[in-house]
PDB file of N, CA and C in Angstrom:
ATOM      1  N   MET A   1     -34.552 -25.369  76.024  1.00  0.00           N
ATOM      2  CA  MET A   1     -34.606 -26.594  75.354  1.00  0.00           C
ATOM      3  C   MET A   1     -36.011 -26.777  74.688  1.00  0.00           C
ATOM      4  N   ALA A   2     -35.944 -26.952  73.512  1.00  0.00           N
ATOM      5  CA  ALA A   2     -37.208 -27.061  72.689  1.00  0.00           C
ATOM      6  C   ALA A   2     -37.810 -28.515  72.796  1.00  0.00           C
ATOM      7  N   LYS A   3     -39.188 -28.434  72.916  1.00  0.00           N
ATOM      8  CA  LYS A   3     -39.873 -29.692  72.939  1.00  0.00           C
ATOM      9  C   LYS A   3     -41.137 -29.467  72.217  1.00  0.00           C
ATOM     10  N   GLY A   4     -41.193 -29.984  70.978  1.00  0.00           N
ATOM     11  CA  GLY A   4     -42.318 -29.653  70.196  1.00  0.00           C
ATOM     12  C   GLY A   4     -42.548 -28.427  69.776  1.00  0.00           C
ATOM     13  N   ALA A   5     -43.413 -27.612  69.991  1.00  0.00           N
ATOM     14  CA  ALA A   5     -43.638 -26.218  69.755  1.00  0.00           C
ATOM     15  C   ALA A   5     -43.262 -25.275  71.037  1.00  0.00           C
ATOM     16  N   ASN A   6     -42.807 -26.035  72.113  1.00  0.00           N
ATOM     17  CA  ASN A   6     -42.624 -25.379  73.397  1.00  0.00           C
ATOM     18  C   ASN A   6     -41.240 -25.142  73.698  1.00  0.00           C
ATOM     19  N   LEU A   7     -40.839 -24.190  74.479  1.00  0.00           N
ATOM     20  CA  LEU A   7     -39.523 -24.174  74.861  1.00  0.00           C
ATOM     21  C   LEU A   7     -39.412 -24.008  76.529  1.00  0.00           C
ATOM     22  N   TRP A   8     -38.381 -24.848  76.967  1.00  0.00           N
ATOM     23  CA  TRP A   8     -38.188 -24.962  78.589  1.00  0.00           C
ATOM     24  C   TRP A   8     -36.930 -24.610  78.923  1.00  0.00           C
ATOM     25  N   MET A   9     -36.558 -24.078  80.091  1.00  0.00           N
ATOM     26  CA  MET A   9     -35.452 -23.831  80.767  1.00  0.00           C
ATOM     27  C   MET A   9     -34.763 -25.137  80.994  1.00  0.00           C
ATOM     28  N   ARG A  10     -33.591 -25.273  80.672  1.00  0.00           N
ATOM     29  CA  ARG A  10     -32.755 -26.597  80.962  1.00  0.00           C
ATOM     30  C   ARG A  10     -32.647 -26.694  82.529  1.00  0.00           C
ATOM     31  N   ASN A  11     -32.545 -25.659  83.160  1.00  0.00           N
ATOM     32  CA  ASN A  11     -32.228 -25.701  84.482  1.00  0.00           C
ATOM     33  C   ASN A  11     -33.495 -24.938  85.233  1.00  0.00           C
ATOM     34  N   ALA A  12     -34.467 -25.688  85.549  1.00  0.00           N
ATOM     35  CA  ALA A  12     -35.928 -24.935  86.244  1.00  0.00           C
ATOM     36  C   ALA A  12     -35.444 -24.297  87.317  1.00  0.00           C
ATOM     37  N   ALA A  13     -34.421 -24.561  88.108  1.00  0.00           N
ATOM     38  CA  ALA A  13     -34.105 -23.573  89.222  1.00  0.00           C
ATOM     39  C   ALA A  13     -33.607 -22.103  88.664  1.00  0.00           C
ATOM     40  N   GLN A  14     -33.286 -21.958  87.350  1.00  0.00           N
ATOM     41  CA  GLN A  14     -33.170 -20.657  86.905  1.00  0.00           C
ATOM     42  C   GLN A  14     -34.136 -19.902  86.489  1.00  0.00           C
ATOM     43  N   GLU A  15     -35.277 -20.361  86.526  1.00  0.00           N
ATOM     44  CA  GLU A  15     -36.553 -19.717  85.894  1.00  0.00           C
ATOM     45  C   GLU A  15     -36.898 -18.566  86.603  1.00  0.00           C
ATOM     46  N   SER A  16     -36.869 -18.252  87.985  1.00  0.00           N
ATOM     47  CA  SER A  16     -37.029 -17.099  88.586  1.00  0.00           C
ATOM     48  C   SER A  16     -36.060 -16.185  88.231  1.00  0.00           C
ATOM     49  N   ALA A  17     -34.627 -16.247  87.851  1.00  0.00           N
ATOM     50  CA  ALA A  17     -33.975 -15.286  87.391  1.00  0.00           C
ATOM     51  C   ALA A  17     -34.245 -14.949  86.046  1.00  0.00           C
ATOM     52  N   LEU A  18     -34.623 -15.638  85.254  1.00  0.00           N
ATOM     53  CA  LEU A  18     -35.268 -15.355  84.018  1.00  0.00           C
ATOM     54  C   LEU A  18     -36.312 -14.360  83.981  1.00  0.00           C
ATOM     55  N   VAL A  19     -37.304 -14.869  84.809  1.00  0.00           N
ATOM     56  CA  VAL A  19     -38.561 -13.791  84.987  1.00  0.00           C
ATOM     57  C   VAL A  19     -38.131 -12.491  85.552  1.00  0.00           C
ATOM     58  N   ALA A  20     -37.073 -12.569  86.482  1.00  0.00           N
ATOM     59  CA  ALA A  20     -36.725 -11.413  87.096  1.00  0.00           C
ATOM     60  C   ALA A  20     -36.039 -10.449  85.995  1.00  0.00           C
ATOM     61  N   GLU A  21     -35.297 -10.918  84.987  1.00  0.00           N
ATOM     62  CA  GLU A  21     -34.478 -10.306  83.946  1.00  0.00           C
ATOM     63  C   GLU A  21     -35.686  -9.822  83.068  1.00  0.00           C
ATOM     64  N   MET A  22     -36.642 -10.516  82.642  1.00  0.00           N
ATOM     65  CA  MET A  22     -37.796 -10.127  81.760  1.00  0.00           C
ATOM     66  C   MET A  22     -38.526  -9.183  82.406  1.00  0.00           C
ATOM     67  N   ARG A  23     -38.701  -8.922  83.495  1.00  0.00           N
ATOM     68  CA  ARG A  23     -39.431  -7.809  84.330  1.00  0.00           C
ATOM     69  C   ARG A  23     -38.689  -6.672  84.066  1.00  0.00           C
ATOM     70  N   LYS A  24     -37.385  -6.653  84.231  1.00  0.00           N
ATOM     71  CA  LYS A  24     -36.687  -5.217  84.101  1.00  0.00           C
ATOM     72  C   LYS A  24     -36.198  -4.856  82.710  1.00  0.00           C
ATOM     73  N   ASN A  25     -36.361  -5.623  81.664  1.00  0.00           N
ATOM     74  CA  ASN A  25     -35.948  -5.448  80.348  1.00  0.00           C
ATOM     75  C   ASN A  25     -37.134  -4.962  79.359  1.00  0.00           C
ATOM     76  N   LYS A  26     -36.791  -4.324  78.159  1.00  0.00           N
ATOM     77  CA  LYS A  26     -37.701  -4.057  77.280  1.00  0.00           C
ATOM     78  C   LYS A  26     -37.999  -4.862  76.099  1.00  0.00           C
ATOM     79  N   THR A  27     -36.916  -5.748  75.955  1.00  0.00           N
ATOM     80  CA  THR A  27     -36.998  -6.943  74.897  1.00  0.00           C
ATOM     81  C   THR A  27     -36.430  -8.140  75.328  1.00  0.00           C
ATOM     82  N   LEU A  28     -36.845  -9.344  74.612  1.00  0.00           N
ATOM     83  CA  LEU A  28     -36.245 -10.577  75.069  1.00  0.00           C
ATOM     84  C   LEU A  28     -35.846 -11.066  73.419  1.00  0.00           C
ATOM     85  N   VAL A  29     -34.554 -11.341  73.485  1.00  0.00           N
ATOM     86  CA  VAL A  29     -33.951 -11.910  72.269  1.00  0.00           C
ATOM     87  C   VAL A  29     -33.583 -13.568  72.440  1.00  0.00           C
ATOM     88  N   LEU A  30     -34.173 -14.259  71.467  1.00  0.00           N
ATOM     89  CA  LEU A  30     -33.850 -15.827  71.491  1.00  0.00           C
ATOM     90  C   LEU A  30     -33.000 -15.967  70.340  1.00  0.00           C
ATOM     91  N   LYS A  31     -32.138 -16.820  70.401  1.00  0.00           N
ATOM     92  CA  LYS A  31     -31.287 -17.322  69.376  1.00  0.00           C
ATOM     93  C   LYS A  31     -31.315 -18.806  69.534  1.00  0.00           C
ATOM     94  N   ALA A  32     -31.560 -19.433  68.183  1.00  0.00           N
ATOM     95  CA  ALA A  32     -31.449 -20.791  68.190  1.00  0.00           C
ATOM     96  C   ALA A  32     -30.879 -21.132  66.798  1.00  0.00           C
ATOM     97  N   THR A  33     -30.553 -22.467  66.972  1.00  0.00           N
ATOM     98  CA  THR A  33     -30.043 -23.189  65.637  1.00  0.00           C
ATOM     99  C   THR A  33     -30.804 -24.356  65.504  1.00  0.00           C
ATOM    100  N   SER A  34     -31.246 -24.420  63.978  1.00  0.00           N
ATOM    101  CA  SER A  34     -32.295 -25.396  63.720  1.00  0.00           C
ATOM    102  C   SER A  34     -31.425 -26.628  63.510  1.00  0.00           C
ATOM    103  N   LYS A  35     -32.206 -27.815  63.122  1.00  0.00           N
ATOM    104  CA  LYS A  35     -31.505 -29.097  62.963  1.00  0.00           C
ATOM    105  C   LYS A  35     -30.682 -28.948  61.701  1.00  0.00           C
ATOM    106  N   LYS A  36     -31.099 -28.083  60.742  1.00  0.00           N
ATOM    107  CA  LYS A  36     -30.120 -27.941  59.454  1.00  0.00           C
ATOM    108  C   LYS A  36     -28.927 -27.164  59.851  1.00  0.00           C
ATOM    109  N   GLY A  37     -28.785 -26.404  60.839  1.00  0.00           N
ATOM    110  CA  GLY A  37     -27.817 -25.428  61.199  1.00  0.00           C
ATOM    111  C   GLY A  37     -28.020 -24.024  60.893  1.00  0.00           C
ATOM    112  N   ASN A  38     -29.214 -23.584  60.614  1.00  0.00           N
ATOM    113  CA  ASN A  38     -29.609 -22.187  60.382  1.00  0.00           C
ATOM    114  C   ASN A  38     -29.762 -21.537  61.853  1.00  0.00           C
ATOM    115  N   LEU A  39     -28.986 -20.408  61.891  1.00  0.00           N
ATOM    116  CA  LEU A  39     -29.312 -19.679  63.141  1.00  0.00           C
ATOM    117  C   LEU A  39     -30.513 -18.721  63.009  1.00  0.00           C
ATOM    118  N   THR A  40     -31.387 -18.654  63.937  1.00  0.00           N
ATOM    119  CA  THR A  40     -32.739 -17.795  63.902  1.00  0.00           C
ATOM    120  C   THR A  40     -32.598 -16.913  65.052  1.00  0.00           C
ATOM    121  N   THR A  41     -32.875 -15.641  64.838  1.00  0.00           N
ATOM    122  CA  THR A  41     -32.915 -14.712  66.175  1.00  0.00           C
ATOM    123  C   THR A  41     -34.364 -14.135  65.983  1.00  0.00           C
ATOM    124  N   ASP A  42     -34.987 -14.218  67.355  1.00  0.00           N
ATOM    125  CA  ASP A  42     -36.213 -13.685  67.284  1.00  0.00           C
ATOM    126  C   ASP A  42     -36.340 -12.688  68.472  1.00  0.00           C
ATOM    127  N   THR A  43     -36.867 -11.340  68.285  1.00  0.00           N
ATOM    128  CA  THR A  43     -36.791 -10.427  69.235  1.00  0.00           C
ATOM    129  C   THR A  43     -38.269 -10.000  69.599  1.00  0.00           C
ATOM    130  N   TYR A  44     -38.582 -10.092  70.819  1.00  0.00           N
ATOM    131  CA  TYR A  44     -39.903 -10.126  71.494  1.00  0.00           C
ATOM    132  C   TYR A  44     -40.047  -8.657  72.439  1.00  0.00           C
ATOM    133  N   SER A  45     -41.076  -8.076  72.191  1.00  0.00           N
ATOM    134  CA  SER A  45     -41.196  -6.703  73.136  1.00  0.00           C
ATOM    135  C   SER A  45     -41.594  -7.282  74.578  1.00  0.00           C
ATOM    136  N   LEU A  46     -41.239  -6.769  75.403  1.00  0.00           N
ATOM    137  CA  LEU A  46     -41.692  -7.295  76.968  1.00  0.00           C
ATOM    138  C   LEU A  46     -42.454  -6.060  77.427  1.00  0.00           C
ATOM    139  N   SER A  47     -42.933  -5.174  76.515  1.00  0.00           N
ATOM    140  CA  SER A  47     -43.750  -3.926  76.895  1.00  0.00           C
ATOM    141  C   SER A  47     -45.220  -4.601  77.722  1.00  0.00           C
ATOM    142  N   GLY A  48     -45.291  -4.268  78.972  1.00  0.00           N
ATOM    143  CA  GLY A  48     -46.613  -4.601  79.703  1.00  0.00           C
ATOM    144  C   GLY A  48     -46.295  -6.171  80.257  1.00  0.00           C
ATOM    145  N   PHE A  49     -45.199  -6.546  80.122  1.00  0.00           N
ATOM    146  CA  PHE A  49     -44.881  -7.992  80.713  1.00  0.00           C
ATOM    147  C   PHE A  49     -45.066  -7.812  82.203  1.00  0.00           C
ATOM    148  N   ASP A  50     -44.365  -6.963  82.844  1.00  0.00           N
ATOM    149  CA  ASP A  50     -44.516  -6.768  84.191  1.00  0.00           C
ATOM    150  C   ASP A  50     -45.807  -6.721  84.756  1.00  0.00           C
ATOM    151  N   GLN A  51     -46.718  -5.681  84.292  1.00  0.00           N
ATOM    152  CA  GLN A  51     -47.967  -5.535  84.701  1.00  0.00           C
ATOM    153  C   GLN A  51     -48.760  -6.981  84.327  1.00  0.00           C
ATOM    154  N   ALA A  52     -48.600  -7.572  83.384  1.00  0.00           N
ATOM    155  CA  ALA A  52     -49.356  -8.627  83.126  1.00  0.00           C
ATOM    156  C   ALA A  52     -49.104  -9.854  84.103  1.00  0.00           C
ATOM    157  N   LEU A  53     -47.786  -9.941  84.317  1.00  0.00           N
ATOM    158  CA  LEU A  53     -47.454 -10.965  85.340  1.00  0.00           C
ATOM    159  C   LEU A  53     -47.816 -10.687  86.799  1.00  0.00           C
ATOM    160  N   ASP A  54     -47.895  -9.391  87.054  1.00  0.00           N
ATOM    161  CA  ASP A  54     -48.469  -9.033  88.542  1.00  0.00           C
ATOM    162  C   ASP A  54     -50.017  -9.383  88.308  1.00  0.00           C
ATOM    163  N   ARG A  55     -50.610  -9.129  87.473  1.00  0.00           N
ATOM    164  CA  ARG A  55     -52.084  -9.486  87.329  1.00  0.00           C
ATOM    165  C   ARG A  55     -52.295 -11.035  87.301  1.00  0.00           C
ATOM    166  N   VAL A  56     -51.427 -11.874  86.653  1.00  0.00           N
ATOM    167  CA  VAL A  56     -51.645 -13.171  86.952  1.00  0.00           C
ATOM    168  C   VAL A  56     -51.428 -13.754  88.286  1.00  0.00           C
ATOM    169  N   LEU A  57     -50.339 -13.159  89.038  1.00  0.00           N
ATOM    170  CA  LEU A  57     -50.144 -13.518  90.304  1.00  0.00           C
ATOM    171  C   LEU A  57     -51.159 -13.141  91.239  1.00  0.00           C
ATOM    172  N   LYS A  58     -51.672 -11.823  90.977  1.00  0.00           N
ATOM    173  CA  LYS A  58     -52.778 -11.562  91.789  1.00  0.00           C
ATOM    174  C   LYS A  58     -54.033 -12.412  91.694  1.00  0.00           C
ATOM    175  N   ASP A  59     -54.451 -12.733  90.402  1.00  0.00           N
ATOM    176  CA  ASP A  59     -55.661 -13.511  90.155  1.00  0.00           C
ATOM    177  C   ASP A  59     -55.513 -14.914  90.370  1.00  0.00           C
ATOM    178  N   CYS A  60     -54.380 -15.486  90.112  1.00  0.00           N
ATOM    179  CA  CYS A  60     -54.142 -16.940  90.261  1.00  0.00           C
ATOM    180  C   CYS A  60     -52.825 -17.186  91.316  1.00  0.00           C
ATOM    181  N   PRO A  61     -52.934 -16.824  92.551  1.00  0.00           N
ATOM    182  CA  PRO A  61     -51.845 -16.993  93.453  1.00  0.00           C
ATOM    183  C   PRO A  61     -51.171 -18.095  93.463  1.00  0.00           C
ATOM    184  N   SER A  62     -51.941 -19.351  93.544  1.00  0.00           N
ATOM    185  CA  SER A  62     -51.399 -20.628  93.537  1.00  0.00           C
ATOM    186  C   SER A  62     -50.755 -21.192  92.345  1.00  0.00           C
ATOM    187  N   GLY A  63     -51.363 -20.767  91.328  1.00  0.00           N
ATOM    188  CA  GLY A  63     -51.060 -21.363  89.785  1.00  0.00           C
ATOM    189  C   GLY A  63     -49.994 -20.383  88.959  1.00  0.00           C
ATOM    190  N   GLY A  64     -49.618 -19.044  89.541  1.00  0.00           N
ATOM    191  CA  GLY A  64     -48.948 -18.164  88.720  1.00  0.00           C
ATOM    192  C   GLY A  64     -47.678 -18.495  88.389  1.00  0.00           C
TER     193      GLY A  64
END
């Protein structure tokens, strides 16, 4: 769900499943439809995501 410039999970309980998928995949593909009906597809590299998340969890264990 988009809110301003941010994107949120509709069901926050699924967040851990999303992070687990991001940890094991090489890319993240987001598809969205604008208010005008235009489909947009963005592809992001997840190279280094696993290591970066591990570092965040190590350095900020209560806020990661």
